[in-house]
Amino acid sequence: MAKIHYVTGDATNPVAVGKKIIVHVCNDIGAWGAGFVLALSKKWKDPEATYRASFGKREKVKPMLGNVQYVFVENNIVVANMIAQKGCGLSEDGRPPIRYGALRVALADVNDEAYRIGATLHMPRIGCGLAGGQWEEIEKILQDVLSVDAYVYDLPAKA
């Protein structure tokens, strides 16, 4: 049975041994530049480059809600760019940009890939920052979908 481990640390420096997939939420409009992606971009360039390239002028099919991009960044570490945020900021009716259905679809895909390659999942509290989601809802999705262990990272408190 899959377990969710809560740890203090940096999700870009995963703690488990073996293959790891770092999971995070992206929007569906090609905007990258705030939140957890800043830490990813500081450590590795390819997740951002892959994401931005998919929204380029030559791309006929742009990533849609529920899609996942897998980017190999180091030996045994893959970053999963999950498209589960509709735009940026609140919608006209005040709805936050997180789309729980898209997150469920993307997480199921990531879980299947992790199971296939024997990896664990590593993530900040996905969908709760700029996407405006509620952790209680996201944790339920994780519990429903995952068959591999996941590590959820909270940064250490600042002194």
Foldseek 3Di string as FASTA:
>chain_A
DADEAEDADQLVDDDDPAAEEEEAEDEQQLDADDDSSVVVCVQFPVVNVVQNVLNDPPHPDHDDQLDWDWADGDVRYIYIHHHAFYDFDADPVRHFRGHLVSVLSNVLVVQVVCVVRVYEYTYELHCVPRSPDDSVSVVVSCVVRHPHYYYYYDYDDDD
